[in-house]
Amino acid sequence: MNIYGATALVSGANRGIGRHLAAQLVERGAKVYATARRPESIDLDGVEVLALDISDPLAVAAAARAAGDVNLLVNNAGIGGGTLLGDLDAVRAALDVNFWGTLSMARAFAPVLAANGGGAMVNIASSASWFVFPGSSAYAVSKAAVWSMSNALRQELAGQGTSVTSVHLGAADTDMMKGYDVPKMDPADVARITLDGVEADAFEVVVDDFTAMVKASLGKDPRDFDKQFQQFLDS
């Protein structure tokens, strides 16, 4: 998809990867709706700001009405989560936002994308779509669902000419990852690689070497990956 001249909506555009995605879309010549639950927290030039809580169906429907010219939907908003056997409310919240919220956006904007020629949808997933980092199993389950959902939507939206890209990365230097002592990417680099993938019509964007290693392990004995991952943690 050619980003120049496109009209994009980015959820969770007030910080982290979403903020860089919105800013770089503007730099690449797109009209951008930058959205967040607290729209006053968005401090970007050249964007149209909208309030949006993707876990609120009424807010999602209102955004789809307000941004009826969108042909590039970037589903970036998400939250972390605890463990599956921990606080059940935290598990539900992770799924409510990361899976159900993203699906709600896809369902609301699919007709908008169709009306505007098909366009593209981008779902920010994670390397955690394919493995579980200790202490974040609820997040991993939700992002595995985003990956599977992206594959399903790619099939279901092909008839209207909408491409669907899932984006997978390890750790980025964002607020969500503050408590983790692991190597972290610059979120600006994540945004750039993501948008390059959109312009290349990629099905999946694997952002970093760690994530490529995780993906490559899927066809092997998972015990081998456990050993590799432990070596990564110990390094």
Protein backbone atom coordinates (compact mmCIF):
# COMPACT_ATOMS: atom_id res chain seq x y z
CA MET A 1 0.00 0.00 0.00
CA ASN A 2 1.24 3.47 -0.84
CA ILE A 3 1.13 5.46 2.40
CA TYR A 4 1.54 8.82 0.66
CA GLY A 5 -1.98 10.22 0.25
CA ALA A 6 -3.55 7.56 2.49
CA THR A 7 -5.86 8.34 5.39
CA ALA A 8 -4.85 6.46 8.53
CA LEU A 9 -6.24 5.97 12.00
CA VAL A 10 -3.86 4.91 14.79
CA SER A 11 -5.20 3.71 18.12
CA GLY A 12 -3.13 4.33 21.24
CA ALA A 13 -1.31 7.21 19.54
CA ASN A 14 -0.47 9.18 22.67
CA ARG A 15 2.78 7.37 23.54
CA GLY A 16 5.23 4.64 22.65
CA ILE A 17 5.01 2.85 19.33
CA GLY A 18 1.62 4.36 18.51
CA ARG A 19 2.91 7.91 18.84
CA HIS A 20 5.81 7.15 16.49
CA LEU A 21 3.50 5.42 14.03
CA ALA A 22 1.24 8.46 13.87
CA ALA A 23 4.16 10.89 13.53
CA GLN A 24 5.85 8.85 10.81
CA LEU A 25 2.62 8.43 8.89
CA VAL A 26 2.35 12.22 8.76
CA GLU A 27 5.97 12.41 7.58
CA ARG A 28 5.18 9.92 4.82
CA GLY A 29 2.32 12.05 3.55
CA ALA A 30 -0.75 10.50 5.14
CA LYS A 31 -3.69 12.20 6.75
CA VAL A 32 -3.77 10.84 10.31
CA TYR A 33 -6.43 10.42 12.95
CA ALA A 34 -4.50 10.01 16.21
CA THR A 35 -6.63 8.44 18.93
CA ALA A 36 -6.36 7.66 22.63
CA ARG A 37 -8.58 7.17 25.63
CA ARG A 38 -7.36 10.57 26.84
CA PRO A 39 -7.15 12.66 23.67
CA GLU A 40 -5.64 15.58 25.61
CA SER A 41 -2.51 13.44 26.05
CA ILE A 42 -1.76 13.51 22.29
CA ASP A 43 0.82 16.19 21.51
CA LEU A 44 1.52 15.58 17.82
CA ASP A 45 1.47 18.19 15.06
CA GLY A 46 -0.41 17.58 11.82
CA VAL A 47 -2.92 15.04 13.13
CA GLU A 48 -6.64 15.07 13.82
CA VAL A 49 -7.22 13.97 17.41
CA LEU A 50 -10.09 11.68 18.37
CA ALA A 51 -11.12 10.16 21.69
CA LEU A 52 -11.20 6.36 21.50
CA ASP A 53 -11.37 3.56 24.03
CA ILE A 54 -11.24 0.40 21.93
CA SER A 55 -12.85 -1.64 24.72
CA ASP A 56 -15.98 0.55 24.49
CA PRO A 57 -18.18 -0.49 21.52
CA LEU A 58 -19.98 2.87 21.47
CA ALA A 59 -16.66 4.74 21.30
CA VAL A 60 -15.47 2.46 18.49
CA ALA A 61 -18.68 3.05 16.51
CA ALA A 62 -18.33 6.81 17.01
CA ALA A 63 -14.74 6.73 15.75
CA ALA A 64 -15.80 4.80 12.64
CA ARG A 65 -18.43 7.47 11.92
CA ALA A 66 -16.02 10.35 12.54
CA ALA A 67 -13.23 8.84 10.42
CA GLY A 68 -15.22 7.67 7.45
CA ASP A 69 -12.42 8.36 4.99
CA VAL A 70 -9.91 5.92 6.54
CA ASN A 71 -8.19 3.44 4.24
CA LEU A 72 -5.39 2.43 6.64
CA LEU A 73 -6.36 1.19 10.09
CA VAL A 74 -3.53 0.70 12.61
CA ASN A 75 -4.68 -1.28 15.64
CA ASN A 76 -1.91 -0.41 18.07
CA ALA A 77 -3.69 0.13 21.41
CA GLY A 78 -3.06 -2.58 23.96
CA ILE A 79 -2.29 -3.33 27.59
CA GLY A 80 -0.18 -5.81 29.54
CA GLY A 81 -1.54 -8.50 31.79
CA GLY A 82 -0.61 -10.77 34.63
CA THR A 83 -0.64 -14.54 34.87
CA LEU A 84 -3.51 -16.82 33.96
CA LEU A 85 -3.68 -18.17 37.51
CA GLY A 86 -3.35 -14.73 39.08
CA ASP A 87 -5.87 -11.88 39.17
CA LEU A 88 -8.71 -12.98 36.90
CA ASP A 89 -9.83 -9.37 36.35
CA ALA A 90 -6.40 -8.60 34.88
CA VAL A 91 -6.69 -11.59 32.54
CA ARG A 92 -10.11 -10.43 31.38
CA ALA A 93 -8.82 -6.88 30.88
CA ALA A 94 -5.97 -8.08 28.67
CA LEU A 95 -8.37 -10.02 26.48
CA ASP A 96 -11.01 -7.27 26.51
CA VAL A 97 -8.53 -4.73 25.15
CA ASN A 98 -6.02 -6.70 23.11
CA PHE A 99 -8.38 -9.22 21.50
CA TRP A 100 -11.96 -8.02 21.79
CA GLY A 101 -11.03 -4.35 21.38
CA THR A 102 -8.97 -5.05 18.27
CA LEU A 103 -11.72 -7.24 16.85
CA SER A 104 -14.27 -4.51 17.58
CA MET A 105 -12.13 -2.06 15.59
CA ALA A 106 -11.78 -4.52 12.72
CA ARG A 107 -15.52 -5.12 12.56
CA ALA A 108 -16.39 -1.41 12.75
CA PHE A 109 -13.83 -0.28 10.18
CA ALA A 110 -14.10 -3.15 7.67
CA PRO A 111 -17.05 -1.44 5.91
CA VAL A 112 -15.19 1.88 6.00
CA LEU A 113 -12.14 0.33 4.36
CA ALA A 114 -14.34 -1.36 1.76
CA ALA A 115 -16.05 1.92 0.92
CA ASN A 116 -12.66 3.55 0.43
CA GLY A 117 -11.27 0.97 -1.96
CA GLY A 118 -10.13 -1.81 0.38
CA GLY A 119 -7.02 -0.33 1.94
CA ALA A 120 -5.10 -2.05 4.72
CA MET A 121 -5.34 -3.09 8.35
CA VAL A 122 -2.34 -3.40 10.65
CA ASN A 123 -2.54 -5.28 13.94
CA ILE A 124 0.31 -4.78 16.40
CA ALA A 125 0.92 -8.21 17.91
CA SER A 126 4.11 -9.38 19.61
CA SER A 127 6.81 -12.02 19.78
CA ALA A 128 4.60 -13.13 22.69
CA SER A 129 2.15 -14.39 20.08
CA TRP A 130 4.53 -17.38 19.91
CA PHE A 131 6.01 -17.78 23.39
CA VAL A 132 5.33 -16.81 27.01
CA PHE A 133 7.59 -14.47 28.94
CA PRO A 134 7.50 -15.34 32.67
CA GLY A 135 4.82 -13.37 34.49
CA SER A 136 2.95 -12.25 31.37
CA SER A 137 0.92 -15.26 30.31
CA ALA A 138 -2.36 -13.32 29.97
CA TYR A 139 -0.68 -10.90 27.59
CA ALA A 140 0.77 -13.79 25.59
CA VAL A 141 -2.62 -15.46 25.24
CA SER A 142 -4.17 -12.19 24.06
CA LYS A 143 -1.43 -11.57 21.49
CA ALA A 144 -1.58 -15.16 20.22
CA ALA A 145 -5.25 -14.42 19.61
CA VAL A 146 -4.35 -11.22 17.72
CA TRP A 147 -2.02 -13.20 15.46
CA SER A 148 -4.66 -15.84 14.74
CA MET A 149 -7.30 -13.15 14.26
CA SER A 150 -5.06 -11.36 11.74
CA ASN A 151 -4.70 -14.56 9.72
CA ALA A 152 -8.47 -15.06 9.78
CA LEU A 153 -9.26 -11.45 8.85
CA ARG A 154 -6.80 -11.65 5.95
CA GLN A 155 -8.98 -14.39 4.49
CA GLU A 156 -12.31 -12.79 5.35
CA LEU A 157 -11.39 -9.33 4.00
CA ALA A 158 -9.58 -10.47 0.85
CA GLY A 159 -12.78 -10.22 -1.16
CA GLN A 160 -13.07 -6.49 -0.50
CA GLY A 161 -9.41 -5.88 -1.31
CA THR A 162 -8.24 -5.19 2.25
CA SER A 163 -4.76 -6.41 3.16
CA VAL A 164 -4.04 -7.42 6.76
CA THR A 165 -0.59 -7.24 8.35
CA SER A 166 0.35 -8.50 11.80
CA VAL A 167 3.43 -6.97 13.44
CA HIS A 168 5.60 -8.93 15.86
CA LEU A 169 8.40 -7.58 18.02
CA GLY A 170 10.25 -8.33 21.22
CA ALA A 171 10.79 -5.55 23.72
CA ALA A 172 10.56 -1.86 22.83
CA ASP A 173 11.54 1.01 25.10
CA THR A 174 7.99 1.95 26.11
CA ASP A 175 6.11 2.51 29.36
CA MET A 176 4.73 -1.05 29.19
CA MET A 177 8.25 -2.49 29.29
CA LYS A 178 9.72 -0.29 32.05
CA GLY A 179 9.85 -3.11 34.55
CA TYR A 180 11.71 -5.56 32.31
CA ASP A 181 15.52 -5.74 32.28
CA VAL A 182 15.93 -6.94 28.68
CA PRO A 183 17.37 -5.39 25.49
CA LYS A 184 14.83 -2.93 24.07
CA MET A 185 14.33 -1.43 20.63
CA ASP A 186 13.74 2.23 19.94
CA PRO A 187 9.98 2.51 19.28
CA ALA A 188 10.77 4.84 16.37
CA ASP A 189 12.58 1.94 14.68
CA VAL A 190 9.61 -0.35 15.32
CA ALA A 191 7.31 2.19 13.66
CA ARG A 192 9.60 2.61 10.66
CA ILE A 193 9.95 -1.14 10.07
CA THR A 194 6.19 -1.57 10.47
CA LEU A 195 5.35 1.09 7.89
CA ASP A 196 7.94 -0.28 5.49
CA GLY A 197 6.13 -3.62 5.81
CA VAL A 198 2.78 -1.99 5.11
CA GLU A 199 4.16 -0.42 1.94
CA ALA A 200 5.51 -3.84 0.92
CA ASP A 201 2.09 -5.47 1.53
CA ALA A 202 3.66 -7.92 3.99
CA PHE A 203 1.44 -10.50 5.68
CA GLU A 204 3.65 -10.41 8.76
CA VAL A 205 6.33 -8.00 9.90
CA VAL A 206 8.94 -9.61 12.16
CA VAL A 207 10.70 -6.58 13.58
CA ASP A 208 13.83 -7.92 15.30
CA ASP A 209 16.23 -10.86 15.44
CA PHE A 210 14.86 -12.15 18.75
CA THR A 211 11.36 -12.38 17.31
CA ALA A 212 12.70 -14.10 14.18
CA MET A 213 14.33 -16.67 16.45
CA VAL A 214 11.06 -17.21 18.31
CA LYS A 215 9.12 -17.67 15.09
CA ALA A 216 11.70 -20.10 13.70
CA SER A 217 11.39 -22.24 16.83
CA LEU A 218 7.73 -23.05 16.22
CA GLY A 219 8.50 -26.04 14.02
CA LYS A 220 10.96 -27.51 16.51
CA ASP A 221 10.81 -29.22 19.89
CA PRO A 222 9.64 -26.51 22.32
CA ARG A 223 12.14 -27.76 24.89
CA ASP A 224 14.90 -26.56 22.58
CA PHE A 225 13.42 -23.07 22.60
CA ASP A 226 13.17 -23.13 26.39
CA LYS A 227 16.94 -23.69 26.50
CA GLN A 228 17.60 -20.88 23.99
CA PHE A 229 15.34 -18.53 25.89
CA GLN A 230 17.01 -19.28 29.19
CA GLN A 231 20.37 -18.55 27.58
CA PHE A 232 18.94 -15.23 26.37
CA LEU A 233 17.77 -14.35 29.87
CA ASP A 234 21.14 -15.28 31.35
CA SER A 235 23.15 -13.30 28.78
